[in-house]
Amino acid sequence: MANRAEILDGIVDVVLSEMCLPVAGGERRAAIGKRARSAR
């Protein structure tokens, strides 16, 4: 990794890859709660 921006991009990629994504057509409120819990 050459610089700080690349390191931060890598960290963001890892964090986002571990978060649950909402299912299309599912219950919106439940999906938001599930994503919030997975981000925590």
PDB file of N, CA and C in Angstrom:
ATOM      1  N   MET A   1       0.845  -1.172   0.000  1.00  0.00           N
ATOM      2  CA  MET A   1       0.000   0.000   0.000  1.00  0.00           C
ATOM      3  C   MET A   1       0.888   1.232   0.000  1.00  0.00           C
ATOM      4  N   ALA A   2       0.645   2.082  -0.936  1.00  0.00           N
ATOM      5  CA  ALA A   2       1.533   3.210  -1.154  1.00  0.00           C
ATOM      6  C   ALA A   2       1.255   4.399  -0.240  1.00  0.00           C
ATOM      7  N   ASN A   3       0.005   4.641   0.106  1.00  0.00           N
ATOM      8  CA  ASN A   3      -0.261   5.831   0.905  1.00  0.00           C
ATOM      9  C   ASN A   3      -1.465   5.643   1.813  1.00  0.00           C
ATOM     10  N   ARG A   4      -1.754   6.672   2.579  1.00  0.00           N
ATOM     11  CA  ARG A   4      -2.835   6.619   3.564  1.00  0.00           C
ATOM     12  C   ARG A   4      -4.194   6.354   2.907  1.00  0.00           C
ATOM     13  N   ALA A   5      -4.450   6.956   1.763  1.00  0.00           N
ATOM     14  CA  ALA A   5      -5.736   6.768   1.081  1.00  0.00           C
ATOM     15  C   ALA A   5      -5.957   5.306   0.708  1.00  0.00           C
ATOM     16  N   GLU A   6      -4.924   4.630   0.251  1.00  0.00           N
ATOM     17  CA  GLU A   6      -5.057   3.210  -0.094  1.00  0.00           C
ATOM     18  C   GLU A   6      -5.298   2.367   1.149  1.00  0.00           C
ATOM     19  N   ILE A   7      -4.663   2.715   2.248  1.00  0.00           N
ATOM     20  CA  ILE A   7      -4.878   1.974   3.501  1.00  0.00           C
ATOM     21  C   ILE A   7      -6.329   2.151   3.956  1.00  0.00           C
ATOM     22  N   LEU A   8      -6.820   3.386   3.927  1.00  0.00           N
ATOM     23  CA  LEU A   8      -8.203   3.637   4.336  1.00  0.00           C
ATOM     24  C   LEU A   8      -9.193   2.953   3.407  1.00  0.00           C
ATOM     25  N   ASP A   9      -8.925   2.951   2.115  1.00  0.00           N
ATOM     26  CA  ASP A   9      -9.791   2.237   1.170  1.00  0.00           C
ATOM     27  C   ASP A   9      -9.844   0.759   1.501  1.00  0.00           C
ATOM     28  N   GLY A  10      -8.711   0.181   1.858  1.00  0.00           N
ATOM     29  CA  GLY A  10      -8.662  -1.233   2.223  1.00  0.00           C
ATOM     30  C   GLY A  10      -9.464  -1.524   3.476  1.00  0.00           C
ATOM     31  N   ILE A  11      -9.364  -0.639   4.460  1.00  0.00           N
ATOM     32  CA  ILE A  11     -10.110  -0.812   5.707  1.00  0.00           C
ATOM     33  C   ILE A  11     -11.611  -0.731   5.440  1.00  0.00           C
ATOM     34  N   VAL A  12     -12.027   0.251   4.655  1.00  0.00           N
ATOM     35  CA  VAL A  12     -13.446   0.405   4.329  1.00  0.00           C
ATOM     36  C   VAL A  12     -13.956  -0.823   3.579  1.00  0.00           C
ATOM     37  N   ASP A  13     -13.169  -1.347   2.661  1.00  0.00           N
ATOM     38  CA  ASP A  13     -13.573  -2.547   1.918  1.00  0.00           C
ATOM     39  C   ASP A  13     -13.804  -3.724   2.854  1.00  0.00           C
ATOM     40  N   VAL A  14     -12.916  -3.903   3.829  1.00  0.00           N
ATOM     41  CA  VAL A  14     -13.053  -5.012   4.771  1.00  0.00           C
ATOM     42  C   VAL A  14     -14.297  -4.832   5.633  1.00  0.00           C
ATOM     43  N   VAL A  15     -14.508  -3.632   6.165  1.00  0.00           N
ATOM     44  CA  VAL A  15     -15.659  -3.374   7.033  1.00  0.00           C
ATOM     45  C   VAL A  15     -16.965  -3.585   6.264  1.00  0.00           C
ATOM     46  N   LEU A  16     -17.058  -3.041   5.059  1.00  0.00           N
ATOM     47  CA  LEU A  16     -18.289  -3.185   4.285  1.00  0.00           C
ATOM     48  C   LEU A  16     -18.540  -4.626   3.856  1.00  0.00           C
ATOM     49  N   SER A  17     -17.477  -5.393   3.657  1.00  0.00           N
ATOM     50  CA  SER A  17     -17.658  -6.786   3.256  1.00  0.00           C
ATOM     51  C   SER A  17     -18.229  -7.636   4.392  1.00  0.00           C
ATOM     52  N   GLU A  18     -18.094  -7.165   5.637  1.00  0.00           N
ATOM     53  CA  GLU A  18     -18.592  -7.915   6.783  1.00  0.00           C
ATOM     54  C   GLU A  18     -19.998  -7.504   7.196  1.00  0.00           C
ATOM     55  N   MET A  19     -20.545  -6.479   6.562  1.00  0.00           N
ATOM     56  CA  MET A  19     -21.890  -6.016   6.907  1.00  0.00           C
ATOM     57  C   MET A  19     -22.940  -6.779   6.108  1.00  0.00           C
ATOM     58  N   CYS A  20     -24.091  -6.990   6.734  1.00  0.00           N
ATOM     59  CA  CYS A  20     -25.214  -7.642   6.053  1.00  0.00           C
ATOM     60  C   CYS A  20     -25.883  -6.642   5.125  1.00  0.00           C
ATOM     61  N   LEU A  21     -26.171  -7.068   3.919  1.00  0.00           N
ATOM     62  CA  LEU A  21     -26.873  -6.224   2.966  1.00  0.00           C
ATOM     63  C   LEU A  21     -28.350  -6.575   2.976  1.00  0.00           C
ATOM     64  N   PRO A  22     -29.222  -5.575   2.825  1.00  0.00           N
ATOM     65  CA  PRO A  22     -30.661  -5.859   2.825  1.00  0.00           C
ATOM     66  C   PRO A  22     -31.070  -6.668   1.602  1.00  0.00           C
ATOM     67  N   VAL A  23     -32.098  -7.489   1.788  1.00  0.00           N
ATOM     68  CA  VAL A  23     -32.630  -8.315   0.710  1.00  0.00           C
ATOM     69  C   VAL A  23     -33.685  -7.509  -0.046  1.00  0.00           C
ATOM     70  N   ALA A  24     -33.630  -7.525  -1.354  1.00  0.00           N
ATOM     71  CA  ALA A  24     -34.614  -6.810  -2.157  1.00  0.00           C
ATOM     72  C   ALA A  24     -35.994  -7.411  -1.943  1.00  0.00           C
ATOM     73  N   GLY A  25     -36.964  -6.563  -1.696  1.00  0.00           N
ATOM     74  CA  GLY A  25     -38.328  -7.025  -1.504  1.00  0.00           C
ATOM     75  C   GLY A  25     -38.640  -7.456  -0.086  1.00  0.00           C
ATOM     76  N   GLY A  26     -37.668  -7.403   0.798  1.00  0.00           N
ATOM     77  CA  GLY A  26     -37.897  -7.793   2.180  1.00  0.00           C
ATOM     78  C   GLY A  26     -38.498  -6.658   2.983  1.00  0.00           C
ATOM     79  N   GLU A  27     -38.744  -6.918   4.245  1.00  0.00           N
ATOM     80  CA  GLU A  27     -39.294  -5.898   5.128  1.00  0.00           C
ATOM     81  C   GLU A  27     -38.220  -4.859   5.415  1.00  0.00           C
ATOM     82  N   ARG A  28     -38.479  -3.634   5.033  1.00  0.00           N
ATOM     83  CA  ARG A  28     -37.481  -2.561   5.091  1.00  0.00           C
ATOM     84  C   ARG A  28     -37.003  -2.283   6.529  1.00  0.00           C
ATOM     85  N   ARG A  29     -37.910  -2.167   7.462  1.00  0.00           N
ATOM     86  CA  ARG A  29     -37.543  -1.834   8.844  1.00  0.00           C
ATOM     87  C   ARG A  29     -36.665  -2.921   9.468  1.00  0.00           C
ATOM     88  N   ALA A  30     -37.006  -4.163   9.249  1.00  0.00           N
ATOM     89  CA  ALA A  30     -36.216  -5.275   9.780  1.00  0.00           C
ATOM     90  C   ALA A  30     -34.825  -5.299   9.133  1.00  0.00           C
ATOM     91  N   ALA A  31     -34.761  -5.009   7.832  1.00  0.00           N
ATOM     92  CA  ALA A  31     -33.484  -5.005   7.125  1.00  0.00           C
ATOM     93  C   ALA A  31     -32.573  -3.899   7.647  1.00  0.00           C
ATOM     94  N   ILE A  32     -33.138  -2.739   7.939  1.00  0.00           N
ATOM     95  CA  ILE A  32     -32.350  -1.634   8.484  1.00  0.00           C
ATOM     96  C   ILE A  32     -31.805  -2.010   9.848  1.00  0.00           C
ATOM     97  N   GLY A  33     -32.628  -2.621  10.669  1.00  0.00           N
ATOM     98  CA  GLY A  33     -32.169  -3.047  11.995  1.00  0.00           C
ATOM     99  C   GLY A  33     -31.065  -4.091  11.915  1.00  0.00           C
ATOM    100  N   LYS A  34     -31.229  -5.050  11.010  1.00  0.00           N
ATOM    101  CA  LYS A  34     -30.228  -6.100  10.863  1.00  0.00           C
ATOM    102  C   LYS A  34     -28.893  -5.502  10.394  1.00  0.00           C
ATOM    103  N   ARG A  35     -28.962  -4.567   9.454  1.00  0.00           N
ATOM    104  CA  ARG A  35     -27.728  -3.946   8.958  1.00  0.00           C
ATOM    105  C   ARG A  35     -27.067  -3.119  10.052  1.00  0.00           C
ATOM    106  N   ALA A  36     -27.843  -2.404  10.841  1.00  0.00           N
ATOM    107  CA  ALA A  36     -27.286  -1.611  11.934  1.00  0.00           C
ATOM    108  C   ALA A  36     -26.596  -2.503  12.969  1.00  0.00           C
ATOM    109  N   ARG A  37     -27.230  -3.629  13.292  1.00  0.00           N
ATOM    110  CA  ARG A  37     -26.615  -4.556  14.257  1.00  0.00           C
ATOM    111  C   ARG A  37     -25.333  -5.162  13.708  1.00  0.00           C
ATOM    112  N   SER A  38     -25.302  -5.474  12.422  1.00  0.00           N
ATOM    113  CA  SER A  38     -24.106  -6.089  11.849  1.00  0.00           C
ATOM    114  C   SER A  38     -22.969  -5.090  11.755  1.00  0.00           C
ATOM    115  N   ALA A  39     -23.301  -3.802  11.617  1.00  0.00           N
ATOM    116  CA  ALA A  39     -22.268  -2.768  11.536  1.00  0.00           C
ATOM    117  C   ALA A  39     -21.663  -2.489  12.904  1.00  0.00           C
ATOM    118  N   ARG A  40     -22.392  -2.763  13.916  1.00  0.00           N
ATOM    119  CA  ARG A  40     -21.929  -2.493  15.267  1.00  0.00           C
ATOM    120  C   ARG A  40     -20.950  -3.542  15.646  1.00  0.00           C
TER     121      ARG A  40
END
